[in-house]
Amino acid sequence: STGSELVLAPYLGVVWAEGEFSELAWEETDGVRTVLGL
């Protein structure tokens, strides 16, 4: 069977990056960015 329970997982996440390359698409974050999720 699929089982009789579901796991709910609220979370808080942060991401940071610096030292970008001008030739690439990814960029610096200019500080810390925050995500709320489930």
PDB file of all heavy atoms in Angstrom:
ATOM      1  N   SER A   1       0.840  -1.196   0.000  1.00  0.00           N
ATOM      2  CA  SER A   1       0.000   0.000   0.000  1.00  0.00           C
ATOM      3  C   SER A   1       0.871   1.240   0.000  1.00  0.00           C
ATOM      4  O   SER A   1       2.101   1.162   0.080  1.00  0.00           O
ATOM      5  CB  SER A   1      -0.912   0.016   1.230  1.00  0.00           C
ATOM      6  OG  SER A   1      -0.156   0.311   2.398  1.00  0.00           O
ATOM      7  N   THR A   2       0.224   2.384  -0.076  1.00  0.00           N
ATOM      8  CA  THR A   2       0.949   3.662  -0.059  1.00  0.00           C
ATOM      9  C   THR A   2       1.358   4.070   1.350  1.00  0.00           C
ATOM     10  O   THR A   2       2.081   5.052   1.523  1.00  0.00           O
ATOM     11  CB  THR A   2       0.079   4.775  -0.645  1.00  0.00           C
ATOM     12  OG1 THR A   2      -1.131   4.880   0.133  1.00  0.00           O
ATOM     13  CG2 THR A   2      -0.278   4.486  -2.095  1.00  0.00           C
ATOM     14  N   GLY A   3       0.906   3.320   2.365  1.00  0.00           N
ATOM     15  CA  GLY A   3       1.167   3.722   3.740  1.00  0.00           C
ATOM     16  C   GLY A   3       0.050   4.599   4.259  1.00  0.00           C
ATOM     17  O   GLY A   3      -0.740   5.158   3.488  1.00  0.00           O
ATOM     18  N   SER A   4      -0.032   4.746   5.558  1.00  0.00           N
ATOM     19  CA  SER A   4      -1.146   5.469   6.170  1.00  0.00           C
ATOM     20  C   SER A   4      -0.747   6.812   6.765  1.00  0.00           C
ATOM     21  O   SER A   4      -1.457   7.354   7.607  1.00  0.00           O
ATOM     22  CB  SER A   4      -1.779   4.603   7.262  1.00  0.00           C
ATOM     23  OG  SER A   4      -0.811   4.255   8.248  1.00  0.00           O
ATOM     24  N   GLU A   5       0.394   7.351   6.363  1.00  0.00           N
ATOM     25  CA  GLU A   5       0.780   8.660   6.876  1.00  0.00           C
ATOM     26  C   GLU A   5       1.487   9.499   5.822  1.00  0.00           C
ATOM     27  O   GLU A   5       2.023   8.981   4.833  1.00  0.00           O
ATOM     28  CB  GLU A   5       1.668   8.543   8.113  1.00  0.00           C
ATOM     29  CG  GLU A   5       3.054   8.031   7.871  1.00  0.00           C
ATOM     30  CD  GLU A   5       3.912   8.012   9.131  1.00  0.00           C
ATOM     31  OE1 GLU A   5       3.363   7.968  10.242  1.00  0.00           O
ATOM     32  OE2 GLU A   5       5.152   8.038   8.989  1.00  0.00           O
ATOM     33  N   LEU A   6       1.442  10.781   6.049  1.00  0.00           N
ATOM     34  CA  LEU A   6       2.113  11.780   5.214  1.00  0.00           C
ATOM     35  C   LEU A   6       3.027  12.572   6.138  1.00  0.00           C
ATOM     36  O   LEU A   6       2.649  12.891   7.265  1.00  0.00           O
ATOM     37  CB  LEU A   6       1.070  12.698   4.570  1.00  0.00           C
ATOM     38  CG  LEU A   6       1.570  13.848   3.694  1.00  0.00           C
ATOM     39  CD1 LEU A   6       2.043  13.304   2.346  1.00  0.00           C
ATOM     40  CD2 LEU A   6       0.443  14.858   3.466  1.00  0.00           C
ATOM     41  N   VAL A   7       4.226  12.870   5.690  1.00  0.00           N
ATOM     42  CA  VAL A   7       5.154  13.659   6.494  1.00  0.00           C
ATOM     43  C   VAL A   7       5.142  15.098   5.983  1.00  0.00           C
ATOM     44  O   VAL A   7       5.440  15.357   4.812  1.00  0.00           O
ATOM     45  CB  VAL A   7       6.585  13.090   6.429  1.00  0.00           C
ATOM     46  CG1 VAL A   7       7.551  13.998   7.199  1.00  0.00           C
ATOM     47  CG2 VAL A   7       6.625  11.683   7.011  1.00  0.00           C
ATOM     48  N   LEU A   8       4.760  16.029   6.859  1.00  0.00           N
ATOM     49  CA  LEU A   8       4.808  17.450   6.539  1.00  0.00           C
ATOM     50  C   LEU A   8       6.107  18.029   7.082  1.00  0.00           C
ATOM     51  O   LEU A   8       6.504  17.728   8.217  1.00  0.00           O
ATOM     52  CB  LEU A   8       3.614  18.179   7.156  1.00  0.00           C
ATOM     53  CG  LEU A   8       2.229  17.745   6.668  1.00  0.00           C
ATOM     54  CD1 LEU A   8       1.142  18.559   7.378  1.00  0.00           C
ATOM     55  CD2 LEU A   8       2.109  17.894   5.165  1.00  0.00           C
ATOM     56  N   ALA A   9       6.780  18.867   6.276  1.00  0.00           N
ATOM     57  CA  ALA A   9       8.105  19.357   6.651  1.00  0.00           C
ATOM     58  C   ALA A   9       8.238  20.848   6.339  1.00  0.00           C
ATOM     59  O   ALA A   9       8.779  21.219   5.281  1.00  0.00           O
ATOM     60  CB  ALA A   9       9.188  18.558   5.933  1.00  0.00           C
ATOM     61  N   PRO A  10       7.731  21.732   7.214  1.00  0.00           N
ATOM     62  CA  PRO A  10       7.989  23.161   7.020  1.00  0.00           C
ATOM     63  C   PRO A  10       9.475  23.458   7.196  1.00  0.00           C
ATOM     64  O   PRO A  10      10.149  22.829   8.015  1.00  0.00           O
ATOM     65  CB  PRO A  10       7.150  23.826   8.118  1.00  0.00           C
ATOM     66  CG  PRO A  10       6.949  22.763   9.147  1.00  0.00           C
ATOM     67  CD  PRO A  10       6.937  21.458   8.416  1.00  0.00           C
ATOM     68  N   TYR A  11       9.990  24.402   6.406  1.00  0.00           N
ATOM     69  CA  TYR A  11      11.425  24.692   6.498  1.00  0.00           C
ATOM     70  C   TYR A  11      11.733  26.158   6.228  1.00  0.00           C
ATOM     71  O   TYR A  11      10.946  26.885   5.613  1.00  0.00           O
ATOM     72  CB  TYR A  11      12.231  23.795   5.561  1.00  0.00           C
ATOM     73  CG  TYR A  11      11.939  23.962   4.080  1.00  0.00           C
ATOM     74  CD1 TYR A  11      12.556  24.960   3.324  1.00  0.00           C
ATOM     75  CD2 TYR A  11      11.069  23.096   3.428  1.00  0.00           C
ATOM     76  CE1 TYR A  11      12.302  25.098   1.973  1.00  0.00           C
ATOM     77  CE2 TYR A  11      10.811  23.217   2.073  1.00  0.00           C
ATOM     78  CZ  TYR A  11      11.429  24.225   1.348  1.00  0.00           C
ATOM     79  OH  TYR A  11      11.179  24.360   0.012  1.00  0.00           O
ATOM     80  N   LEU A  12      12.886  26.560   6.700  1.00  0.00           N
ATOM     81  CA  LEU A  12      13.462  27.881   6.440  1.00  0.00           C
ATOM     82  C   LEU A  12      14.802  27.667   5.764  1.00  0.00           C
ATOM     83  O   LEU A  12      15.631  26.893   6.249  1.00  0.00           O
ATOM     84  CB  LEU A  12      13.651  28.649   7.756  1.00  0.00           C
ATOM     85  CG  LEU A  12      14.484  29.939   7.690  1.00  0.00           C
ATOM     86  CD1 LEU A  12      13.731  31.017   6.908  1.00  0.00           C
ATOM     87  CD2 LEU A  12      14.828  30.437   9.089  1.00  0.00           C
ATOM     88  N   GLY A  13      15.021  28.326   4.622  1.00  0.00           N
ATOM     89  CA  GLY A  13      16.273  28.166   3.893  1.00  0.00           C
ATOM     90  C   GLY A  13      16.915  29.501   3.559  1.00  0.00           C
ATOM     91  O   GLY A  13      16.215  30.513   3.398  1.00  0.00           O
ATOM     92  N   VAL A  14      18.242  29.503   3.461  1.00  0.00           N
ATOM     93  CA  VAL A  14      18.979  30.703   3.078  1.00  0.00           C
ATOM     94  C   VAL A  14      20.019  30.320   2.029  1.00  0.00           C
ATOM     95  O   VAL A  14      20.500  29.180   1.989  1.00  0.00           O
ATOM     96  CB  VAL A  14      19.677  31.378   4.283  1.00  0.00           C
ATOM     97  CG1 VAL A  14      18.652  31.920   5.265  1.00  0.00           C
ATOM     98  CG2 VAL A  14      20.617  30.399   4.991  1.00  0.00           C
ATOM     99  N   VAL A  15      20.371  31.273   1.170  1.00  0.00           N
ATOM    100  CA  VAL A  15      21.365  31.043   0.129  1.00  0.00           C
ATOM    101  C   VAL A  15      22.218  32.295  -0.029  1.00  0.00           C
ATOM    102  O   VAL A  15      21.723  33.422   0.125  1.00  0.00           O
ATOM    103  CB  VAL A  15      20.676  30.655  -1.205  1.00  0.00           C
ATOM    104  CG1 VAL A  15      19.755  31.759  -1.683  1.00  0.00           C
ATOM    105  CG2 VAL A  15      21.692  30.305  -2.272  1.00  0.00           C
ATOM    106  N   TRP A  16      23.497  32.095  -0.330  1.00  0.00           N
ATOM    107  CA  TRP A  16      24.434  33.220  -0.483  1.00  0.00           C
ATOM    108  C   TRP A  16      25.481  32.833  -1.514  1.00  0.00           C
ATOM    109  O   TRP A  16      25.912  31.681  -1.577  1.00  0.00           O
ATOM    110  CB  TRP A  16      25.103  33.516   0.859  1.00  0.00           C
ATOM    111  CG  TRP A  16      26.326  34.394   0.774  1.00  0.00           C
ATOM    112  CD1 TRP A  16      26.371  35.755   0.757  1.00  0.00           C
ATOM    113  CD2 TRP A  16      27.697  33.956   0.691  1.00  0.00           C
ATOM    114  NE1 TRP A  16      27.680  36.192   0.675  1.00  0.00           N
ATOM    115  CE2 TRP A  16      28.504  35.107   0.632  1.00  0.00           C
ATOM    116  CE3 TRP A  16      28.296  32.703   0.651  1.00  0.00           C
ATOM    117  CZ2 TRP A  16      29.888  35.031   0.541  1.00  0.00           C
ATOM    118  CZ3 TRP A  16      29.683  32.618   0.559  1.00  0.00           C
ATOM    119  CH2 TRP A  16      30.466  33.784   0.511  1.00  0.00           C
ATOM    120  N   ALA A  17      25.886  33.804  -2.348  1.00  0.00           N
ATOM    121  CA  ALA A  17      26.934  33.555  -3.345  1.00  0.00           C
ATOM    122  C   ALA A  17      27.624  34.866  -3.693  1.00  0.00           C
ATOM    123  O   ALA A  17      26.986  35.934  -3.736  1.00  0.00           O
ATOM    124  CB  ALA A  17      26.351  32.921  -4.600  1.00  0.00           C
ATOM    125  N   GLU A  18      28.919  34.785  -3.982  1.00  0.00           N
ATOM    126  CA  GLU A  18      29.671  35.950  -4.422  1.00  0.00           C
ATOM    127  C   GLU A  18      30.844  35.491  -5.280  1.00  0.00           C
ATOM    128  O   GLU A  18      31.165  34.313  -5.373  1.00  0.00           O
ATOM    129  CB  GLU A  18      30.157  36.787  -3.233  1.00  0.00           C
ATOM    130  CG  GLU A  18      31.236  36.130  -2.401  1.00  0.00           C
ATOM    131  CD  GLU A  18      31.797  37.065  -1.348  1.00  0.00           C
ATOM    132  OE1 GLU A  18      31.125  38.054  -0.995  1.00  0.00           O
ATOM    133  OE2 GLU A  18      32.931  36.805  -0.891  1.00  0.00           O
ATOM    134  N   GLY A  19      31.513  36.478  -5.911  1.00  0.00           N
ATOM    135  CA  GLY A  19      32.637  36.166  -6.797  1.00  0.00           C
ATOM    136  C   GLY A  19      32.172  35.693  -8.149  1.00  0.00           C
ATOM    137  O   GLY A  19      32.673  34.698  -8.674  1.00  0.00           O
ATOM    138  N   GLU A  20      31.218  36.396  -8.751  1.00  0.00           N
ATOM    139  CA  GLU A  20      30.595  35.929  -9.989  1.00  0.00           C
ATOM    140  C   GLU A  20      31.541  36.009 -11.185  1.00  0.00           C
ATOM    141  O   GLU A  20      32.521  36.752 -11.184  1.00  0.00           O
ATOM    142  CB  GLU A  20      29.327  36.730 -10.280  1.00  0.00           C
ATOM    143  CG  GLU A  20      29.574  38.180 -10.652  1.00  0.00           C
ATOM    144  CD  GLU A  20      28.271  38.907 -10.966  1.00  0.00           C
ATOM    145  OE1 GLU A  20      27.319  38.250 -11.417  1.00  0.00           O
ATOM    146  OE2 GLU A  20      28.211  40.120 -10.745  1.00  0.00           O
ATOM    147  N   PHE A  21      31.209  35.253 -12.217  1.00  0.00           N
ATOM    148  CA  PHE A  21      31.899  35.271 -13.497  1.00  0.00           C
ATOM    149  C   PHE A  21      31.012  36.012 -14.492  1.00  0.00           C
ATOM    150  O   PHE A  21      29.854  35.636 -14.683  1.00  0.00           O
ATOM    151  CB  PHE A  21      32.150  33.850 -14.003  1.00  0.00           C
ATOM    152  CG  PHE A  21      33.142  33.071 -13.193  1.00  0.00           C
ATOM    153  CD1 PHE A  21      32.765  32.473 -11.993  1.00  0.00           C
ATOM    154  CD2 PHE A  21      34.449  32.918 -13.621  1.00  0.00           C
ATOM    155  CE1 PHE A  21      33.661  31.738 -11.250  1.00  0.00           C
ATOM    156  CE2 PHE A  21      35.360  32.184 -12.885  1.00  0.00           C
ATOM    157  CZ  PHE A  21      34.975  31.600 -11.688  1.00  0.00           C
ATOM    158  N   SER A  22      31.555  37.003 -15.179  1.00  0.00           N
ATOM    159  CA  SER A  22      30.748  37.784 -16.115  1.00  0.00           C
ATOM    160  C   SER A  22      30.265  36.951 -17.297  1.00  0.00           C
ATOM    161  O   SER A  22      29.261  37.275 -17.931  1.00  0.00           O
ATOM    162  CB  SER A  22      31.546  38.989 -16.614  1.00  0.00           C
ATOM    163  OG  SER A  22      32.742  38.575 -17.259  1.00  0.00           O
ATOM    164  N   GLU A  23      30.963  35.831 -17.605  1.00  0.00           N
ATOM    165  CA  GLU A  23      30.600  35.011 -18.763  1.00  0.00           C
ATOM    166  C   GLU A  23      29.475  34.023 -18.457  1.00  0.00           C
ATOM    167  O   GLU A  23      28.933  33.396 -19.375  1.00  0.00           O
ATOM    168  CB  GLU A  23      31.822  34.215 -19.254  1.00  0.00           C
ATOM    169  CG  GLU A  23      33.051  35.064 -19.580  1.00  0.00           C
ATOM    170  CD  GLU A  23      33.949  35.252 -18.366  1.00  0.00           C
ATOM    171  OE1 GLU A  23      33.489  34.973 -17.223  1.00  0.00           O
ATOM    172  OE2 GLU A  23      35.114  35.658 -18.552  1.00  0.00           O
ATOM    173  N   LEU A  24      29.105  33.844 -17.188  1.00  0.00           N
ATOM    174  CA  LEU A  24      28.127  32.841 -16.804  1.00  0.00           C
ATOM    175  C   LEU A  24      26.816  33.481 -16.355  1.00  0.00           C
ATOM    176  O   LEU A  24      26.785  34.637 -15.944  1.00  0.00           O
ATOM    177  CB  LEU A  24      28.689  31.969 -15.672  1.00  0.00           C
ATOM    178  CG  LEU A  24      29.967  31.200 -16.016  1.00  0.00           C
ATOM    179  CD1 LEU A  24      30.464  30.431 -14.809  1.00  0.00           C
ATOM    180  CD2 LEU A  24      29.738  30.260 -17.193  1.00  0.00           C
ATOM    181  N   ALA A  25      25.748  32.684 -16.416  1.00  0.00           N
ATOM    182  CA  ALA A  25      24.408  33.209 -16.135  1.00  0.00           C
ATOM    183  C   ALA A  25      24.167  33.418 -14.640  1.00  0.00           C
ATOM    184  O   ALA A  25      23.394  34.302 -14.256  1.00  0.00           O
ATOM    185  CB  ALA A  25      23.348  32.265 -16.702  1.00  0.00           C
ATOM    186  N   TRP A  26      24.802  32.592 -13.765  1.00  0.00           N
ATOM    187  CA  TRP A  26      24.536  32.753 -12.337  1.00  0.00           C
ATOM    188  C   TRP A  26      25.252  33.971 -11.788  1.00  0.00           C
ATOM    189  O   TRP A  26      26.355  34.325 -12.198  1.00  0.00           O
ATOM    190  CB  TRP A  26      24.898  31.494 -11.559  1.00  0.00           C
ATOM    191  CG  TRP A  26      26.067  30.695 -12.038  1.00  0.00           C
ATOM    192  CD1 TRP A  26      27.362  30.794 -11.644  1.00  0.00           C
ATOM    193  CD2 TRP A  26      26.032  29.620 -12.994  1.00  0.00           C
ATOM    194  NE1 TRP A  26      28.144  29.873 -12.278  1.00  0.00           N
ATOM    195  CE2 TRP A  26      27.353  29.133 -13.114  1.00  0.00           C
ATOM    196  CE3 TRP A  26      25.024  29.030 -13.761  1.00  0.00           C
ATOM    197  CZ2 TRP A  26      27.678  28.075 -13.961  1.00  0.00           C
ATOM    198  CZ3 TRP A  26      25.350  27.975 -14.604  1.00  0.00           C
ATOM    199  CH2 TRP A  26      26.663  27.516 -14.680  1.00  0.00           C
ATOM    200  N   GLU A  27      24.624  34.624 -10.802  1.00  0.00           N
ATOM    201  CA  GLU A  27      25.073  35.912 -10.295  1.00  0.00           C
ATOM    202  C   GLU A  27      25.292  35.866  -8.784  1.00  0.00           C
ATOM    203  O   GLU A  27      24.918  34.916  -8.114  1.00  0.00           O
ATOM    204  CB  GLU A  27      24.013  36.983 -10.614  1.00  0.00           C
ATOM    205  CG  GLU A  27      23.651  37.089 -12.083  1.00  0.00           C
ATOM    206  CD  GLU A  27      22.473  38.025 -12.303  1.00  0.00           C
ATOM    207  OE1 GLU A  27      21.837  38.407 -11.294  1.00  0.00           O
ATOM    208  OE2 GLU A  27      22.198  38.359 -13.460  1.00  0.00           O
ATOM    209  N   GLU A  28      25.890  36.942  -8.269  1.00  0.00           N
ATOM    210  CA  GLU A  28      25.998  37.110  -6.824  1.00  0.00           C
ATOM    211  C   GLU A  28      24.614  37.387  -6.231  1.00  0.00           C
ATOM    212  O   GLU A  28      23.743  37.961  -6.893  1.00  0.00           O
ATOM    213  CB  GLU A  28      26.934  38.265  -6.491  1.00  0.00           C
ATOM    214  CG  GLU A  28      28.379  38.047  -6.926  1.00  0.00           C
ATOM    215  CD  GLU A  28      29.269  39.219  -6.551  1.00  0.00           C
ATOM    216  OE1 GLU A  28      28.712  40.314  -6.301  1.00  0.00           O
ATOM    217  OE2 GLU A  28      30.499  39.047  -6.500  1.00  0.00           O
ATOM    218  N   THR A  29      24.417  36.992  -4.980  1.00  0.00           N
ATOM    219  CA  THR A  29      23.124  37.222  -4.331  1.00  0.00           C
ATOM    220  C   THR A  29      23.003  38.614  -3.731  1.00  0.00           C
ATOM    221  O   THR A  29      21.912  39.033  -3.347  1.00  0.00           O
ATOM    222  CB  THR A  29      22.899  36.193  -3.214  1.00  0.00           C
ATOM    223  OG1 THR A  29      24.001  36.261  -2.288  1.00  0.00           O
ATOM    224  CG2 THR A  29      22.797  34.783  -3.786  1.00  0.00           C
ATOM    225  N   ASP A  30      24.109  39.339  -3.602  1.00  0.00           N
ATOM    226  CA  ASP A  30      24.090  40.657  -2.954  1.00  0.00           C
ATOM    227  C   ASP A  30      23.526  40.546  -1.542  1.00  0.00           C
ATOM    228  O   ASP A  30      22.561  41.215  -1.170  1.00  0.00           O
ATOM    229  CB  ASP A  30      23.281  41.652  -3.783  1.00  0.00           C
ATOM    230  CG  ASP A  30      23.461  43.097  -3.304  1.00  0.00           C
ATOM    231  OD1 ASP A  30      24.491  43.373  -2.660  1.00  0.00           O
ATOM    232  OD2 ASP A  30      22.564  43.919  -3.553  1.00  0.00           O
ATOM    233  N   GLY A  31      24.122  39.666  -0.760  1.00  0.00           N
ATOM    234  CA  GLY A  31      23.650  39.409   0.596  1.00  0.00           C
ATOM    235  C   GLY A  31      23.006  38.028   0.685  1.00  0.00           C
ATOM    236  O   GLY A  31      23.115  37.211  -0.224  1.00  0.00           O
ATOM    237  N   VAL A  32      22.310  37.790   1.782  1.00  0.00           N
ATOM    238  CA  VAL A  32      21.654  36.497   2.009  1.00  0.00           C
ATOM    239  C   VAL A  32      20.201  36.567   1.562  1.00  0.00           C
ATOM    240  O   VAL A  32      19.485  37.510   1.879  1.00  0.00           O
ATOM    241  CB  VAL A  32      21.723  36.111   3.504  1.00  0.00           C
ATOM    242  CG1 VAL A  32      20.932  34.838   3.778  1.00  0.00           C
ATOM    243  CG2 VAL A  32      23.180  35.931   3.938  1.00  0.00           C
ATOM    244  N   ARG A  33      19.767  35.570   0.813  1.00  0.00           N
ATOM    245  CA  ARG A  33      18.380  35.459   0.376  1.00  0.00           C
ATOM    246  C   ARG A  33      17.681  34.371   1.198  1.00  0.00           C
ATOM    247  O   ARG A  33      18.297  33.370   1.557  1.00  0.00           O
ATOM    248  CB  ARG A  33      18.309  35.124  -1.117  1.00  0.00           C
ATOM    249  CG  ARG A  33      18.892  36.211  -2.011  1.00  0.00           C
ATOM    250  CD  ARG A  33      18.888  35.776  -3.464  1.00  0.00           C
ATOM    251  NE  ARG A  33      17.543  35.532  -3.970  1.00  0.00           N
ATOM    252  CZ  ARG A  33      16.767  36.459  -4.527  1.00  0.00           C
ATOM    253  NH1 ARG A  33      17.200  37.705  -4.640  1.00  0.00           N
ATOM    254  NH2 ARG A  33      15.565  36.148  -4.966  1.00  0.00           N
ATOM    255  N   THR A  34      16.390  34.585   1.468  1.00  0.00           N
ATOM    256  CA  THR A  34      15.656  33.714   2.387  1.00  0.00           C
ATOM    257  C   THR A  34      14.442  33.092   1.708  1.00  0.00           C
ATOM    258  O   THR A  34      13.754  33.750   0.931  1.00  0.00           O
ATOM    259  CB  THR A  34      15.189  34.507   3.621  1.00  0.00           C
ATOM    260  OG1 THR A  34      16.316  35.160   4.214  1.00  0.00           O
ATOM    261  CG2 THR A  34      14.550  33.578   4.653  1.00  0.00           C
ATOM    262  N   VAL A  35      14.198  31.824   2.026  1.00  0.00           N
ATOM    263  CA  VAL A  35      13.063  31.079   1.477  1.00  0.00           C
ATOM    264  C   VAL A  35      12.290  30.432   2.622  1.00  0.00           C
ATOM    265  O   VAL A  35      12.891  29.870   3.549  1.00  0.00           O
ATOM    266  CB  VAL A  35      13.539  29.987   0.496  1.00  0.00           C
ATOM    267  CG1 VAL A  35      12.422  28.995   0.191  1.00  0.00           C
ATOM    268  CG2 VAL A  35      14.049  30.611  -0.795  1.00  0.00           C
ATOM    269  N   LEU A  36      10.958  30.499   2.565  1.00  0.00           N
ATOM    270  CA  LEU A  36      10.078  29.753   3.461  1.00  0.00           C
ATOM    271  C   LEU A  36       9.428  28.649   2.629  1.00  0.00           C
ATOM    272  O   LEU A  36       8.956  28.910   1.518  1.00  0.00           O
ATOM    273  CB  LEU A  36       9.011  30.649   4.070  1.00  0.00           C
ATOM    274  CG  LEU A  36       9.507  31.770   4.983  1.00  0.00           C
ATOM    275  CD1 LEU A  36       8.330  32.612   5.467  1.00  0.00           C
ATOM    276  CD2 LEU A  36      10.266  31.206   6.176  1.00  0.00           C
ATOM    277  N   GLY A  37       9.400  27.425   3.158  1.00  0.00           N
ATOM    278  CA  GLY A  37       8.887  26.336   2.338  1.00  0.00           C
ATOM    279  C   GLY A  37       8.143  25.282   3.131  1.00  0.00           C
ATOM    280  O   GLY A  37       8.140  25.273   4.372  1.00  0.00           O
ATOM    281  N   LEU A  38       7.508  24.389   2.380  1.00  0.00           N
ATOM    282  CA  LEU A  38       6.821  23.240   2.960  1.00  0.00           C
ATOM    283  C   LEU A  38       7.093  22.024   2.091  1.00  0.00           C
ATOM    284  O   LEU A  38       6.808  22.029   0.890  1.00  0.00           O
ATOM    285  CB  LEU A  38       5.313  23.486   3.037  1.00  0.00           C
ATOM    286  CG  LEU A  38       4.480  22.294   3.527  1.00  0.00           C
ATOM    287  CD1 LEU A  38       4.809  21.971   4.980  1.00  0.00           C
ATOM    288  CD2 LEU A  38       2.989  22.562   3.352  1.00  0.00           C
TER     289      LEU A  38
END
